[in-house]
Amino acid sequence: MVHTEKGADAENIVRCLMDLGVMPAQLVLCHMDKRPDLAFHRGVARSGVMLEYDTFFRPKYQPEVSLWPLIEGMASAGLTDCLALALDMVQLEMWKSFGNSPGLPALLTDVVPRLEAMGLGESHFRGLVGGNIAHRLAGSEASSRS
């Protein structure tokens, strides 16, 4: 897993790691929804690299015009197995345990229903909210793209 700063330099990160012998199926690039370039995301995913999206509750990143269209575009390309959805909740005021929201349950209570409304079936949204990354971290390939 590689933390990117708004998806910047992802091409060089992948190239560098591959030059060192890391296979695309071993890579997860984080915060990629902060770089809402669907064609780029599709290309990276088709190479076998997993992309992590996490700005659902971060208004400054405009999830309605960036994140959700990326998910729809990746789903329409049949690439949901190369995505991992998470919550970037770096600020304490976003945690229910500190008396605020949305909190960690929001992935299941807010995001999953929206994925269902998009027409994604249970196997897709289960993969998106945990299954895909679990397979990746376990070393099993989620797809035959790599």
N, C-alpha and C. Protein backbone atom coordinates (compact mmCIF):
# COMPACT_ATOMS: atom_id res chain seq x y z
N MET A 1 0.86 -1.17 0.00
CA MET A 1 0.00 0.00 0.00
C MET A 1 0.90 1.23 0.00
N VAL A 2 0.59 2.11 -0.92
CA VAL A 2 1.38 3.33 -1.04
C VAL A 2 0.46 4.52 -0.86
N HIS A 3 0.79 5.36 0.09
CA HIS A 3 0.07 6.61 0.30
C HIS A 3 0.52 7.57 -0.78
N THR A 4 -0.43 8.08 -1.56
CA THR A 4 -0.10 9.12 -2.52
C THR A 4 -0.66 10.44 -2.02
N GLU A 5 -0.10 11.51 -2.46
CA GLU A 5 -0.64 12.82 -2.13
C GLU A 5 -1.56 13.23 -3.27
N LYS A 6 -2.85 12.96 -3.10
CA LYS A 6 -3.87 13.27 -4.10
C LYS A 6 -3.61 12.52 -5.41
N GLY A 7 -3.04 11.33 -5.33
CA GLY A 7 -2.79 10.54 -6.53
C GLY A 7 -1.61 11.01 -7.35
N ALA A 8 -0.90 12.00 -6.83
CA ALA A 8 0.22 12.56 -7.59
C ALA A 8 1.35 11.54 -7.75
N ASP A 9 1.95 11.58 -8.90
CA ASP A 9 3.14 10.78 -9.21
C ASP A 9 2.88 9.28 -9.20
N ALA A 10 1.63 8.89 -9.32
CA ALA A 10 1.29 7.46 -9.28
C ALA A 10 2.02 6.67 -10.37
N GLU A 11 2.15 7.26 -11.55
CA GLU A 11 2.83 6.57 -12.64
C GLU A 11 4.27 6.22 -12.25
N ASN A 12 4.97 7.18 -11.68
CA ASN A 12 6.37 6.95 -11.29
C ASN A 12 6.48 5.98 -10.11
N ILE A 13 5.52 6.04 -9.21
CA ILE A 13 5.51 5.11 -8.08
C ILE A 13 5.39 3.68 -8.59
N VAL A 14 4.43 3.46 -9.48
CA VAL A 14 4.22 2.12 -10.04
C VAL A 14 5.46 1.68 -10.81
N ARG A 15 5.97 2.53 -11.66
CA ARG A 15 7.15 2.20 -12.47
C ARG A 15 8.34 1.86 -11.57
N CYS A 16 8.59 2.67 -10.56
CA CYS A 16 9.72 2.44 -9.65
C CYS A 16 9.59 1.10 -8.94
N LEU A 17 8.40 0.82 -8.41
CA LEU A 17 8.21 -0.43 -7.68
C LEU A 17 8.29 -1.64 -8.60
N MET A 18 7.76 -1.51 -9.81
CA MET A 18 7.86 -2.61 -10.76
C MET A 18 9.32 -2.84 -11.17
N ASP A 19 10.08 -1.77 -11.31
CA ASP A 19 11.52 -1.91 -11.61
C ASP A 19 12.25 -2.65 -10.50
N LEU A 20 11.72 -2.57 -9.29
CA LEU A 20 12.31 -3.27 -8.15
C LEU A 20 11.77 -4.69 -7.99
N GLY A 21 10.91 -5.10 -8.92
CA GLY A 21 10.40 -6.46 -8.90
C GLY A 21 9.04 -6.66 -8.28
N VAL A 22 8.39 -5.57 -7.88
CA VAL A 22 7.05 -5.68 -7.30
C VAL A 22 6.06 -5.86 -8.46
N MET A 23 5.19 -6.83 -8.33
CA MET A 23 4.19 -7.09 -9.36
C MET A 23 2.99 -6.16 -9.16
N PRO A 24 2.31 -5.76 -10.24
CA PRO A 24 1.14 -4.88 -10.10
C PRO A 24 0.09 -5.44 -9.13
N ALA A 25 -0.09 -6.75 -9.10
CA ALA A 25 -1.08 -7.36 -8.21
C ALA A 25 -0.69 -7.25 -6.74
N GLN A 26 0.51 -6.74 -6.48
CA GLN A 26 0.95 -6.54 -5.10
C GLN A 26 0.81 -5.08 -4.66
N LEU A 27 0.30 -4.24 -5.53
CA LEU A 27 0.26 -2.80 -5.26
C LEU A 27 -1.15 -2.29 -4.99
N VAL A 28 -1.24 -1.38 -4.03
CA VAL A 28 -2.46 -0.63 -3.76
C VAL A 28 -2.05 0.83 -3.65
N LEU A 29 -2.65 1.67 -4.48
CA LEU A 29 -2.38 3.10 -4.43
C LEU A 29 -3.53 3.80 -3.71
N CYS A 30 -3.21 4.49 -2.63
CA CYS A 30 -4.23 5.12 -1.78
C CYS A 30 -4.50 6.56 -2.20
N HIS A 31 -5.69 7.02 -1.87
CA HIS A 31 -6.15 8.39 -2.11
C HIS A 31 -6.27 8.72 -3.59
N MET A 32 -6.49 7.74 -4.42
CA MET A 32 -6.52 7.98 -5.86
C MET A 32 -7.75 8.73 -6.33
N ASP A 33 -8.82 8.74 -5.55
CA ASP A 33 -10.01 9.49 -5.96
C ASP A 33 -9.78 11.00 -5.90
N LYS A 34 -8.70 11.41 -5.29
CA LYS A 34 -8.36 12.83 -5.27
C LYS A 34 -7.75 13.27 -6.60
N ARG A 35 -7.56 12.29 -7.49
CA ARG A 35 -7.10 12.54 -8.86
C ARG A 35 -8.15 11.93 -9.79
N PRO A 36 -9.24 12.64 -10.03
CA PRO A 36 -10.40 12.06 -10.71
C PRO A 36 -10.27 12.00 -12.24
N ASP A 37 -9.31 11.25 -12.70
CA ASP A 37 -9.07 11.06 -14.13
C ASP A 37 -9.46 9.62 -14.47
N LEU A 38 -10.69 9.43 -14.95
CA LEU A 38 -11.21 8.09 -15.17
C LEU A 38 -10.36 7.28 -16.15
N ALA A 39 -9.92 7.87 -17.23
CA ALA A 39 -9.10 7.13 -18.20
C ALA A 39 -7.82 6.63 -17.54
N PHE A 40 -7.21 7.47 -16.73
CA PHE A 40 -6.00 7.07 -16.02
C PHE A 40 -6.29 5.93 -15.05
N HIS A 41 -7.37 6.05 -14.29
CA HIS A 41 -7.74 5.02 -13.32
C HIS A 41 -7.99 3.68 -14.01
N ARG A 42 -8.69 3.72 -15.12
CA ARG A 42 -8.96 2.48 -15.86
C ARG A 42 -7.66 1.83 -16.32
N GLY A 43 -6.74 2.62 -16.83
CA GLY A 43 -5.47 2.08 -17.29
C GLY A 43 -4.66 1.46 -16.16
N VAL A 44 -4.60 2.13 -15.04
CA VAL A 44 -3.86 1.61 -13.89
C VAL A 44 -4.49 0.32 -13.39
N ALA A 45 -5.82 0.31 -13.28
CA ALA A 45 -6.53 -0.88 -12.81
C ALA A 45 -6.33 -2.05 -13.78
N ARG A 46 -6.39 -1.78 -15.06
CA ARG A 46 -6.20 -2.86 -16.05
C ARG A 46 -4.80 -3.45 -15.98
N SER A 47 -3.85 -2.68 -15.48
CA SER A 47 -2.48 -3.22 -15.33
C SER A 47 -2.38 -4.16 -14.14
N GLY A 48 -3.41 -4.16 -13.26
CA GLY A 48 -3.42 -5.04 -12.10
C GLY A 48 -3.24 -4.33 -10.78
N VAL A 49 -2.99 -3.04 -10.80
CA VAL A 49 -2.81 -2.25 -9.58
C VAL A 49 -4.18 -1.95 -8.99
N MET A 50 -4.30 -2.04 -7.67
CA MET A 50 -5.55 -1.70 -6.99
C MET A 50 -5.54 -0.22 -6.62
N LEU A 51 -6.70 0.42 -6.75
CA LEU A 51 -6.86 1.83 -6.39
C LEU A 51 -7.77 1.93 -5.17
N GLU A 52 -7.39 2.79 -4.25
CA GLU A 52 -8.18 2.99 -3.03
C GLU A 52 -8.81 4.38 -3.10
N TYR A 53 -10.13 4.45 -2.85
CA TYR A 53 -10.89 5.69 -2.83
C TYR A 53 -11.44 5.90 -1.42
N ASP A 54 -11.39 7.15 -0.94
CA ASP A 54 -11.77 7.34 0.47
C ASP A 54 -12.31 8.72 0.84
N THR A 55 -12.73 9.53 -0.11
CA THR A 55 -13.14 10.90 0.23
C THR A 55 -14.66 11.09 0.31
N PHE A 56 -15.39 10.05 0.65
CA PHE A 56 -16.85 10.11 0.70
C PHE A 56 -17.38 11.25 1.57
N PHE A 57 -16.72 11.52 2.67
CA PHE A 57 -17.20 12.51 3.63
C PHE A 57 -16.25 13.70 3.76
N ARG A 58 -15.52 13.98 2.69
CA ARG A 58 -14.57 15.10 2.66
C ARG A 58 -15.04 16.11 1.62
N PRO A 59 -15.90 17.06 2.01
CA PRO A 59 -16.50 18.00 1.04
C PRO A 59 -15.49 18.74 0.17
N LYS A 60 -14.32 19.04 0.72
CA LYS A 60 -13.36 19.81 -0.07
C LYS A 60 -12.88 19.06 -1.31
N TYR A 61 -13.06 17.74 -1.34
CA TYR A 61 -12.68 16.95 -2.52
C TYR A 61 -13.85 16.68 -3.45
N GLN A 62 -14.98 17.26 -3.18
CA GLN A 62 -16.18 17.19 -4.02
C GLN A 62 -16.52 15.75 -4.44
N PRO A 63 -16.88 14.90 -3.48
CA PRO A 63 -17.15 13.51 -3.83
C PRO A 63 -18.27 13.33 -4.85
N GLU A 64 -19.23 14.22 -4.89
CA GLU A 64 -20.33 14.08 -5.86
C GLU A 64 -19.86 14.25 -7.29
N VAL A 65 -18.85 15.05 -7.51
CA VAL A 65 -18.36 15.29 -8.88
C VAL A 65 -17.05 14.57 -9.18
N SER A 66 -16.43 13.99 -8.16
CA SER A 66 -15.16 13.29 -8.37
C SER A 66 -15.27 11.81 -8.05
N LEU A 67 -15.52 11.50 -6.81
CA LEU A 67 -15.50 10.12 -6.33
C LEU A 67 -16.60 9.25 -6.92
N TRP A 68 -17.84 9.68 -6.79
CA TRP A 68 -18.96 8.84 -7.26
C TRP A 68 -18.91 8.60 -8.76
N PRO A 69 -18.61 9.60 -9.59
CA PRO A 69 -18.47 9.31 -11.02
C PRO A 69 -17.31 8.34 -11.32
N LEU A 70 -16.23 8.40 -10.54
CA LEU A 70 -15.14 7.42 -10.73
C LEU A 70 -15.64 6.01 -10.46
N ILE A 71 -16.38 5.83 -9.37
CA ILE A 71 -16.89 4.50 -9.06
C ILE A 71 -17.80 4.01 -10.19
N GLU A 72 -18.70 4.88 -10.64
CA GLU A 72 -19.61 4.50 -11.73
C GLU A 72 -18.82 4.14 -12.99
N GLY A 73 -17.83 4.93 -13.32
CA GLY A 73 -17.04 4.67 -14.52
C GLY A 73 -16.23 3.39 -14.42
N MET A 74 -15.68 3.13 -13.25
CA MET A 74 -14.92 1.90 -13.06
C MET A 74 -15.85 0.69 -13.09
N ALA A 75 -17.03 0.83 -12.51
CA ALA A 75 -18.01 -0.26 -12.53
C ALA A 75 -18.46 -0.54 -13.96
N SER A 76 -18.71 0.50 -14.74
CA SER A 76 -19.16 0.29 -16.12
C SER A 76 -18.08 -0.37 -16.97
N ALA A 77 -16.82 -0.22 -16.56
CA ALA A 77 -15.71 -0.86 -17.27
C ALA A 77 -15.41 -2.25 -16.71
N GLY A 78 -16.19 -2.69 -15.70
CA GLY A 78 -15.97 -4.01 -15.12
C GLY A 78 -14.73 -4.09 -14.25
N LEU A 79 -14.38 -2.97 -13.62
CA LEU A 79 -13.13 -2.91 -12.85
C LEU A 79 -13.34 -2.76 -11.34
N THR A 80 -14.50 -3.12 -10.83
CA THR A 80 -14.72 -2.96 -9.39
C THR A 80 -13.81 -3.87 -8.57
N ASP A 81 -13.32 -4.95 -9.15
CA ASP A 81 -12.43 -5.84 -8.41
C ASP A 81 -11.06 -5.21 -8.17
N CYS A 82 -10.78 -4.09 -8.80
CA CYS A 82 -9.51 -3.39 -8.62
C CYS A 82 -9.66 -2.15 -7.76
N LEU A 83 -10.77 -2.06 -7.04
CA LEU A 83 -11.02 -0.92 -6.17
C LEU A 83 -11.19 -1.36 -4.73
N ALA A 84 -10.75 -0.50 -3.83
CA ALA A 84 -10.99 -0.67 -2.40
C ALA A 84 -11.54 0.66 -1.90
N LEU A 85 -12.66 0.62 -1.20
CA LEU A 85 -13.26 1.83 -0.66
C LEU A 85 -12.98 1.90 0.84
N ALA A 86 -12.69 3.09 1.30
CA ALA A 86 -12.36 3.29 2.71
C ALA A 86 -12.84 4.68 3.13
N LEU A 87 -12.54 5.05 4.35
CA LEU A 87 -12.89 6.37 4.86
C LEU A 87 -11.63 7.07 5.34
N ASP A 88 -11.34 8.21 4.75
CA ASP A 88 -10.20 9.01 5.17
C ASP A 88 -10.70 9.96 6.26
N MET A 89 -10.60 9.50 7.50
CA MET A 89 -11.14 10.28 8.61
C MET A 89 -10.00 10.69 9.54
N VAL A 90 -9.16 11.55 9.00
CA VAL A 90 -7.98 11.99 9.73
C VAL A 90 -8.33 12.96 10.87
N GLN A 91 -9.45 13.63 10.77
CA GLN A 91 -9.82 14.61 11.78
C GLN A 91 -10.69 13.98 12.86
N LEU A 92 -10.37 14.24 14.11
CA LEU A 92 -11.09 13.64 15.23
C LEU A 92 -12.58 13.94 15.20
N GLU A 93 -12.97 15.11 14.69
CA GLU A 93 -14.39 15.45 14.67
C GLU A 93 -15.20 14.57 13.72
N MET A 94 -14.55 13.71 12.95
CA MET A 94 -15.26 12.80 12.05
C MET A 94 -15.53 11.45 12.72
N TRP A 95 -15.11 11.28 13.96
CA TRP A 95 -15.25 9.99 14.66
C TRP A 95 -16.38 10.03 15.66
N LYS A 96 -17.28 9.07 15.58
CA LYS A 96 -18.39 8.98 16.52
C LYS A 96 -17.89 8.82 17.96
N SER A 97 -16.76 8.16 18.12
CA SER A 97 -16.24 7.96 19.47
C SER A 97 -15.86 9.28 20.15
N PHE A 98 -15.76 10.34 19.34
CA PHE A 98 -15.49 11.66 19.89
C PHE A 98 -16.75 12.53 19.85
N GLY A 99 -17.91 11.87 19.65
CA GLY A 99 -19.18 12.56 19.70
C GLY A 99 -19.64 13.20 18.41
N ASN A 100 -19.01 12.84 17.33
CA ASN A 100 -19.37 13.45 16.05
C ASN A 100 -19.64 12.38 15.00
N SER A 101 -19.63 12.77 13.76
CA SER A 101 -19.92 11.82 12.70
C SER A 101 -19.14 12.20 11.44
N PRO A 102 -19.06 11.33 10.46
CA PRO A 102 -19.92 10.19 10.21
C PRO A 102 -19.51 8.92 10.95
N GLY A 103 -18.26 8.78 11.30
CA GLY A 103 -17.80 7.58 11.99
C GLY A 103 -17.58 6.42 11.05
N LEU A 104 -16.87 5.42 11.54
CA LEU A 104 -16.55 4.26 10.71
C LEU A 104 -17.76 3.51 10.17
N PRO A 105 -18.88 3.44 10.92
CA PRO A 105 -20.04 2.72 10.38
C PRO A 105 -20.57 3.31 9.07
N ALA A 106 -20.22 4.54 8.76
CA ALA A 106 -20.75 5.21 7.56
C ALA A 106 -20.43 4.47 6.27
N LEU A 107 -19.35 3.72 6.26
CA LEU A 107 -19.04 2.93 5.06
C LEU A 107 -20.18 1.97 4.77
N LEU A 108 -20.73 1.37 5.82
CA LEU A 108 -21.83 0.41 5.65
C LEU A 108 -23.20 1.09 5.62
N THR A 109 -23.37 2.14 6.43
CA THR A 109 -24.70 2.75 6.53
C THR A 109 -24.99 3.78 5.45
N ASP A 110 -23.97 4.40 4.89
CA ASP A 110 -24.17 5.45 3.89
C ASP A 110 -23.66 5.04 2.50
N VAL A 111 -22.47 4.47 2.45
CA VAL A 111 -21.85 4.16 1.16
C VAL A 111 -22.48 2.93 0.51
N VAL A 112 -22.64 1.84 1.24
CA VAL A 112 -23.19 0.61 0.66
C VAL A 112 -24.58 0.84 0.06
N PRO A 113 -25.50 1.52 0.76
CA PRO A 113 -26.80 1.75 0.13
C PRO A 113 -26.70 2.53 -1.19
N ARG A 114 -25.77 3.44 -1.26
CA ARG A 114 -25.60 4.19 -2.51
C ARG A 114 -25.03 3.29 -3.61
N LEU A 115 -24.13 2.39 -3.24
CA LEU A 115 -23.61 1.43 -4.23
C LEU A 115 -24.74 0.54 -4.74
N GLU A 116 -25.60 0.12 -3.82
CA GLU A 116 -26.76 -0.69 -4.22
C GLU A 116 -27.67 0.10 -5.16
N ALA A 117 -27.88 1.36 -4.86
CA ALA A 117 -28.73 2.21 -5.69
C ALA A 117 -28.14 2.40 -7.08
N MET A 118 -26.82 2.30 -7.19
CA MET A 118 -26.15 2.39 -8.49
C MET A 118 -26.36 1.12 -9.30
N GLY A 119 -26.90 0.09 -8.66
CA GLY A 119 -27.13 -1.16 -9.36
C GLY A 119 -26.04 -2.18 -9.17
N LEU A 120 -25.11 -1.91 -8.26
CA LEU A 120 -24.05 -2.88 -7.99
C LEU A 120 -24.61 -3.97 -7.09
N GLY A 121 -24.40 -5.19 -7.47
CA GLY A 121 -24.88 -6.32 -6.69
C GLY A 121 -24.05 -6.54 -5.44
N GLU A 122 -24.54 -7.43 -4.61
CA GLU A 122 -23.90 -7.70 -3.32
C GLU A 122 -22.44 -8.11 -3.47
N SER A 123 -22.12 -8.94 -4.43
CA SER A 123 -20.72 -9.38 -4.57
C SER A 123 -19.82 -8.20 -4.90
N HIS A 124 -20.33 -7.24 -5.68
CA HIS A 124 -19.52 -6.06 -6.01
C HIS A 124 -19.31 -5.18 -4.79
N PHE A 125 -20.39 -4.85 -4.07
CA PHE A 125 -20.17 -3.93 -2.96
C PHE A 125 -19.46 -4.60 -1.80
N ARG A 126 -19.61 -5.90 -1.63
CA ARG A 126 -18.83 -6.59 -0.60
C ARG A 126 -17.34 -6.54 -0.94
N GLY A 127 -17.03 -6.69 -2.20
CA GLY A 127 -15.64 -6.56 -2.63
C GLY A 127 -15.12 -5.16 -2.41
N LEU A 128 -15.92 -4.17 -2.77
CA LEU A 128 -15.49 -2.78 -2.66
C LEU A 128 -15.23 -2.36 -1.22
N VAL A 129 -16.02 -2.84 -0.28
CA VAL A 129 -15.87 -2.38 1.11
C VAL A 129 -15.08 -3.34 1.99
N GLY A 130 -14.31 -4.21 1.41
CA GLY A 130 -13.45 -5.06 2.23
C GLY A 130 -12.90 -6.28 1.54
N GLY A 131 -13.71 -6.92 0.73
CA GLY A 131 -13.29 -8.17 0.11
C GLY A 131 -12.11 -8.02 -0.83
N ASN A 132 -12.12 -6.99 -1.67
CA ASN A 132 -11.03 -6.82 -2.63
C ASN A 132 -9.69 -6.60 -1.94
N ILE A 133 -9.69 -5.71 -0.96
CA ILE A 133 -8.42 -5.42 -0.27
C ILE A 133 -7.98 -6.62 0.55
N ALA A 134 -8.91 -7.37 1.11
CA ALA A 134 -8.55 -8.56 1.88
C ALA A 134 -7.85 -9.57 0.97
N HIS A 135 -8.38 -9.77 -0.22
CA HIS A 135 -7.74 -10.69 -1.17
C HIS A 135 -6.36 -10.19 -1.56
N ARG A 136 -6.27 -8.89 -1.79
CA ARG A 136 -4.98 -8.31 -2.20
C ARG A 136 -3.94 -8.47 -1.09
N LEU A 137 -4.32 -8.15 0.13
CA LEU A 137 -3.37 -8.24 1.24
C LEU A 137 -3.01 -9.69 1.57
N ALA A 138 -3.93 -10.61 1.26
CA ALA A 138 -3.65 -12.03 1.50
C ALA A 138 -2.77 -12.62 0.40
N GLY A 139 -2.57 -11.84 -0.65
CA GLY A 139 -1.73 -12.30 -1.74
C GLY A 139 -2.47 -13.07 -2.82
N SER A 140 -3.80 -13.14 -2.72
CA SER A 140 -4.55 -13.81 -3.76
C SER A 140 -5.01 -12.77 -4.77
N GLU A 141 -4.95 -13.13 -6.03
CA GLU A 141 -5.30 -12.18 -7.09
C GLU A 141 -6.81 -12.07 -7.20
N ALA A 142 -7.28 -10.83 -7.21
CA ALA A 142 -8.71 -10.58 -7.35
C ALA A 142 -9.14 -10.67 -8.79
N SER A 143 -8.20 -10.57 -9.71
CA SER A 143 -8.57 -10.63 -11.12
C SER A 143 -7.44 -11.26 -11.90
N SER A 144 -7.68 -11.49 -13.16
CA SER A 144 -6.66 -12.06 -14.03
C SER A 144 -5.94 -11.00 -14.82
N ARG A 145 -6.10 -9.71 -14.46
CA ARG A 145 -5.47 -8.63 -15.20
C ARG A 145 -3.95 -8.58 -15.04
N SER A 146 -3.43 -9.09 -13.92
CA SER A 146 -1.99 -8.93 -13.69
C SER A 146 -1.21 -10.05 -14.33
